[in-house]
Structures are given as C-alpha cells and as structure tokens.
C-alpha cells in the first residue's frame, strides 16, 4: 500500500467513527486488530464506539494533521461533543467537550492492525466537571490561557 492509500484508510476510519458506521469498520479493521492504549479487540472497539456515541451523540473528530511513513499513519485529531447521555456511569452533564489526540495506526494489507493513542484524559475529566484544579493549579493553569 502507498502512503496515500494508508492515509485514506485512516480517514475512512475516522469518518466511520463519526457516523457510527460499524459495518464499515469490518472493511477497515483486521480480525487481529489490537488497540494497545485501551486493550481492545475489533469487537471491543465497536462497543466503545457505541458507548461514546450514545453519551456524546454529536461527537465529531476532525483530522488536523496526518503523516504516513512505512506501514504507520499518525494523526492529530480535534474531537468535540456534548455529553447528553450516560457515560461510564456518569449521568449526562450537558457539557461540551473539546479534546486533542495524537493517534498512531499500523496498517497491513489495507487493514488497521494496531492502534496507539495519546490524549489528555485529565483535561477531559475536568471538562465534564469530575475534577477541579486546586488553588495552586488554578494559578498555574488559568482558564483563560486555553
């Protein structure tokens, strides 16, 4: 597969996630796919996507940057959504969230086989109102700086 073909596979994956198109995932994800960050198989991936889209029905990922080399594709993603459904036992807060991810996919024979993700989970929990900065943290990380 060319680098551009690999990037196109990742773009299709992000679009399938955005639309909740789990059938398309069967075309994009290898049976032995493994998500190293969340310890998920293809079936686990589908369950997580369903859970996320129920909790954040307007969830959307936008690819800000995409780089391919060899069998790997890296993306920087901006994700947004509104917490209107239960999420991991948390009642809906109605809060809008914004997150940035750095994701890496490995692709073999046109299918996603491995995945790694880096994101600021602490900021996500703060946006949902589950944690607050201490007084010292508020001084170090003022809200208006973001």
C-alpha atoms as a PDB file:
ATOM      1  CA  UNK A   1       0.000   0.000   0.000  1.00  0.00           C
ATOM      2  CA  UNK A   2       1.203   3.510  -0.758  1.00  0.00           C
ATOM      3  CA  UNK A   3       1.470   6.169   1.926  1.00  0.00           C
ATOM      4  CA  UNK A   4      -1.523   7.983   0.414  1.00  0.00           C
ATOM      5  CA  UNK A   5      -3.588   4.774   0.432  1.00  0.00           C
ATOM      6  CA  UNK A   6      -2.730   4.252   4.100  1.00  0.00           C
ATOM      7  CA  UNK A   7      -3.787   7.821   4.919  1.00  0.00           C
ATOM      8  CA  UNK A   8      -7.061   7.257   3.052  1.00  0.00           C
ATOM      9  CA  UNK A   9      -7.768   4.171   5.199  1.00  0.00           C
ATOM     10  CA  UNK A  10      -7.303   6.211   8.384  1.00  0.00           C
ATOM     11  CA  UNK A  11      -9.526   8.996   7.006  1.00  0.00           C
ATOM     12  CA  UNK A  12     -12.237   6.413   6.247  1.00  0.00           C
ATOM     13  CA  UNK A  13     -11.876   5.004   9.772  1.00  0.00           C
ATOM     14  CA  UNK A  14     -12.326   8.447  11.357  1.00  0.00           C
ATOM     15  CA  UNK A  15     -15.361   9.095   9.163  1.00  0.00           C
ATOM     16  CA  UNK A  16     -16.863   5.700  10.065  1.00  0.00           C
ATOM     17  CA  UNK A  17     -16.384   6.550  13.758  1.00  0.00           C
ATOM     18  CA  UNK A  18     -18.007   9.961  13.282  1.00  0.00           C
ATOM     19  CA  UNK A  19     -21.049   8.373  11.623  1.00  0.00           C
ATOM     20  CA  UNK A  20     -21.198   5.315  13.885  1.00  0.00           C
ATOM     21  CA  UNK A  21     -20.878   3.139  10.784  1.00  0.00           C
ATOM     22  CA  UNK A  22     -19.799  -0.092  12.454  1.00  0.00           C
ATOM     23  CA  UNK A  23     -20.318  -2.105   9.250  1.00  0.00           C
ATOM     24  CA  UNK A  24     -17.564  -0.095   7.544  1.00  0.00           C
ATOM     25  CA  UNK A  25     -15.251  -0.988  10.410  1.00  0.00           C
ATOM     26  CA  UNK A  26     -15.395  -4.603   9.282  1.00  0.00           C
ATOM     27  CA  UNK A  27     -13.846  -3.472   5.975  1.00  0.00           C
ATOM     28  CA  UNK A  28     -11.152  -1.328   7.626  1.00  0.00           C
ATOM     29  CA  UNK A  29     -10.104  -3.281  10.721  1.00  0.00           C
ATOM     30  CA  UNK A  30      -8.225  -6.602  10.579  1.00  0.00           C
ATOM     31  CA  UNK A  31      -9.602  -9.525  12.621  1.00  0.00           C
ATOM     32  CA  UNK A  32      -6.396  -9.480  14.708  1.00  0.00           C
ATOM     33  CA  UNK A  33      -6.536  -5.689  15.273  1.00  0.00           C
ATOM     34  CA  UNK A  34      -5.367  -4.594  18.707  1.00  0.00           C
ATOM     35  CA  UNK A  35      -5.742  -1.221  20.423  1.00  0.00           C
ATOM     36  CA  UNK A  36      -2.701  -1.013  22.706  1.00  0.00           C
ATOM     37  CA  UNK A  37      -3.971   2.028  24.617  1.00  0.00           C
ATOM     38  CA  UNK A  38      -7.374   0.650  25.615  1.00  0.00           C
ATOM     39  CA  UNK A  39      -6.567  -3.071  25.268  1.00  0.00           C
ATOM     40  CA  UNK A  40      -9.353  -3.607  22.706  1.00  0.00           C
ATOM     41  CA  UNK A  41     -10.056  -6.164  20.004  1.00  0.00           C
ATOM     42  CA  UNK A  42     -12.246  -5.287  16.985  1.00  0.00           C
ATOM     43  CA  UNK A  43     -15.403  -6.225  18.929  1.00  0.00           C
ATOM     44  CA  UNK A  44     -14.299  -4.153  21.924  1.00  0.00           C
ATOM     45  CA  UNK A  45     -13.660  -1.235  19.584  1.00  0.00           C
ATOM     46  CA  UNK A  46     -17.241  -1.406  18.326  1.00  0.00           C
ATOM     47  CA  UNK A  47     -18.565  -1.479  21.886  1.00  0.00           C
ATOM     48  CA  UNK A  48     -16.521   1.599  22.839  1.00  0.00           C
ATOM     49  CA  UNK A  49     -17.699   3.488  19.755  1.00  0.00           C
ATOM     50  CA  UNK A  50     -21.339   2.646  20.564  1.00  0.00           C
ATOM     51  CA  UNK A  51     -20.885   3.761  24.178  1.00  0.00           C
ATOM     52  CA  UNK A  52     -19.179   7.005  23.171  1.00  0.00           C
ATOM     53  CA  UNK A  53     -21.784   7.919  20.551  1.00  0.00           C
ATOM     54  CA  UNK A  54     -24.654   7.239  22.981  1.00  0.00           C
ATOM     55  CA  UNK A  55     -23.027   9.522  25.549  1.00  0.00           C
ATOM     56  CA  UNK A  56     -21.933  12.172  23.002  1.00  0.00           C
ATOM     57  CA  UNK A  57     -24.365  11.881  20.043  1.00  0.00           C
ATOM     58  CA  UNK A  58     -22.855  14.906  18.292  1.00  0.00           C
ATOM     59  CA  UNK A  59     -19.299  13.591  18.766  1.00  0.00           C
ATOM     60  CA  UNK A  60     -17.056  14.514  15.876  1.00  0.00           C
ATOM     61  CA  UNK A  61     -13.385  14.001  15.121  1.00  0.00           C
ATOM     62  CA  UNK A  62     -11.556  16.277  12.704  1.00  0.00           C
ATOM     63  CA  UNK A  63      -8.113  15.380  11.417  1.00  0.00           C
ATOM     64  CA  UNK A  64      -5.862  18.396  11.935  1.00  0.00           C
ATOM     65  CA  UNK A  65      -2.653  16.743  10.685  1.00  0.00           C
ATOM     66  CA  UNK A  66      -1.849  13.398   9.090  1.00  0.00           C
ATOM     67  CA  UNK A  67       1.584  11.889   8.440  1.00  0.00           C
ATOM     68  CA  UNK A  68       2.434   8.495   6.959  1.00  0.00           C
ATOM     69  CA  UNK A  69       5.684   6.589   6.900  1.00  0.00           C
ATOM     70  CA  UNK A  70       6.166   2.925   6.137  1.00  0.00           C
ATOM     71  CA  UNK A  71       3.179   0.991   7.492  1.00  0.00           C
ATOM     72  CA  UNK A  72       2.230   3.653  10.064  1.00  0.00           C
ATOM     73  CA  UNK A  73      -0.045   6.693   9.974  1.00  0.00           C
ATOM     74  CA  UNK A  74      -0.037   9.387  12.650  1.00  0.00           C
ATOM     75  CA  UNK A  75      -2.923  11.813  13.054  1.00  0.00           C
ATOM     76  CA  UNK A  76      -3.567  14.792  15.272  1.00  0.00           C
ATOM     77  CA  UNK A  77      -7.280  14.901  15.917  1.00  0.00           C
ATOM     78  CA  UNK A  78      -9.540  17.553  17.386  1.00  0.00           C
ATOM     79  CA  UNK A  79     -12.648  15.961  18.898  1.00  0.00           C
ATOM     80  CA  UNK A  80     -15.793  17.742  20.074  1.00  0.00           C
ATOM     81  CA  UNK A  81     -19.096  16.624  21.509  1.00  0.00           C
ATOM     82  CA  UNK A  82     -21.837  17.295  24.036  1.00  0.00           C
ATOM     83  CA  UNK A  83     -22.351  14.963  26.986  1.00  0.00           C
ATOM     84  CA  UNK A  84     -26.100  14.238  26.701  1.00  0.00           C
ATOM     85  CA  UNK A  85     -26.132  10.508  27.512  1.00  0.00           C
ATOM     86  CA  UNK A  86     -24.772   8.325  30.303  1.00  0.00           C
ATOM     87  CA  UNK A  87     -21.020   7.783  30.051  1.00  0.00           C
ATOM     88  CA  UNK A  88     -19.334   5.078  32.128  1.00  0.00           C
ATOM     89  CA  UNK A  89     -21.928   5.505  34.871  1.00  0.00           C
ATOM     90  CA  UNK A  90     -21.838   9.307  34.746  1.00  0.00           C
ATOM     91  CA  UNK A  91     -25.232  10.940  34.244  1.00  0.00           C
ATOM     92  CA  UNK A  92     -25.412  13.445  31.365  1.00  0.00           C
ATOM     93  CA  UNK A  93     -23.924  16.821  32.253  1.00  0.00           C
ATOM     94  CA  UNK A  94     -24.870  18.705  29.089  1.00  0.00           C
ATOM     95  CA  UNK A  95     -21.286  19.966  28.932  1.00  0.00           C
ATOM     96  CA  UNK A  96     -19.494  20.482  25.645  1.00  0.00           C
ATOM     97  CA  UNK A  97     -16.073  18.890  25.448  1.00  0.00           C
ATOM     98  CA  UNK A  98     -13.069  19.525  23.230  1.00  0.00           C
ATOM     99  CA  UNK A  99     -10.064  17.195  23.119  1.00  0.00           C
ATOM    100  CA  UNK A 100      -6.890  16.814  21.127  1.00  0.00           C
ATOM    101  CA  UNK A 101      -5.489  13.342  20.376  1.00  0.00           C
ATOM    102  CA  UNK A 102      -2.307  12.053  18.822  1.00  0.00           C
ATOM    103  CA  UNK A 103      -3.090   8.665  17.296  1.00  0.00           C
ATOM    104  CA  UNK A 104      -0.912   6.147  15.521  1.00  0.00           C
ATOM    105  CA  UNK A 105      -2.217   3.336  13.336  1.00  0.00           C
ATOM    106  CA  UNK A 106      -0.316   0.461  11.777  1.00  0.00           C
ATOM    107  CA  UNK A 107      -1.725  -0.811   8.503  1.00  0.00           C
ATOM    108  CA  UNK A 108      -1.064  -4.159   6.819  1.00  0.00           C
ATOM    109  CA  UNK A 109      -2.671  -5.222   3.508  1.00  0.00           C
ATOM    110  CA  UNK A 110      -5.128  -2.324   3.604  1.00  0.00           C
ATOM    111  CA  UNK A 111      -6.412  -3.012   7.151  1.00  0.00           C
ATOM    112  CA  UNK A 112      -5.789  -1.397  10.506  1.00  0.00           C
ATOM    113  CA  UNK A 113      -3.910  -3.899  12.678  1.00  0.00           C
ATOM    114  CA  UNK A 114      -2.609  -1.826  15.596  1.00  0.00           C
ATOM    115  CA  UNK A 115      -3.502   1.431  17.321  1.00  0.00           C
ATOM    116  CA  UNK A 116      -1.979   3.716  19.965  1.00  0.00           C
ATOM    117  CA  UNK A 117      -3.442   6.960  21.358  1.00  0.00           C
ATOM    118  CA  UNK A 118      -2.145   9.838  23.447  1.00  0.00           C
ATOM    119  CA  UNK A 119      -4.644  12.292  24.912  1.00  0.00           C
ATOM    120  CA  UNK A 120      -5.110  14.465  27.958  1.00  0.00           C
ATOM    121  CA  UNK A 121      -7.581  12.383  29.955  1.00  0.00           C
ATOM    122  CA  UNK A 122      -7.227  14.746  32.922  1.00  0.00           C
ATOM    123  CA  UNK A 123      -8.486  17.687  30.861  1.00  0.00           C
ATOM    124  CA  UNK A 124     -11.396  15.563  29.568  1.00  0.00           C
ATOM    125  CA  UNK A 125     -12.470  14.755  33.142  1.00  0.00           C
ATOM    126  CA  UNK A 126     -12.099  18.425  34.093  1.00  0.00           C
ATOM    127  CA  UNK A 127     -14.331  19.499  31.200  1.00  0.00           C
ATOM    128  CA  UNK A 128     -17.017  17.092  32.421  1.00  0.00           C
ATOM    129  CA  UNK A 129     -16.784  18.644  35.875  1.00  0.00           C
ATOM    130  CA  UNK A 130     -15.475  15.473  37.516  1.00  0.00           C
ATOM    131  CA  UNK A 131     -12.306  17.092  38.822  1.00  0.00           C
ATOM    132  CA  UNK A 132     -11.231  20.608  39.728  1.00  0.00           C
ATOM    133  CA  UNK A 133      -7.800  22.145  39.941  1.00  0.00           C
ATOM    134  CA  UNK A 134      -6.510  23.026  43.388  1.00  0.00           C
ATOM    135  CA  UNK A 135      -5.959  26.718  44.133  1.00  0.00           C
ATOM    136  CA  UNK A 136      -2.312  26.280  43.166  1.00  0.00           C
ATOM    137  CA  UNK A 137      -3.356  24.535  39.943  1.00  0.00           C
ATOM    138  CA  UNK A 138      -5.747  27.378  39.084  1.00  0.00           C
ATOM    139  CA  UNK A 139      -2.871  29.843  39.410  1.00  0.00           C
ATOM    140  CA  UNK A 140      -0.544  27.681  37.316  1.00  0.00           C
ATOM    141  CA  UNK A 141      -3.165  26.888  34.656  1.00  0.00           C
ATOM    142  CA  UNK A 142      -5.595  29.799  34.408  1.00  0.00           C
ATOM    143  CA  UNK A 143      -8.753  29.053  32.429  1.00  0.00           C
ATOM    144  CA  UNK A 144      -8.389  31.970  30.019  1.00  0.00           C
ATOM    145  CA  UNK A 145      -4.997  30.737  28.760  1.00  0.00           C
ATOM    146  CA  UNK A 146      -6.502  27.806  26.839  1.00  0.00           C
END
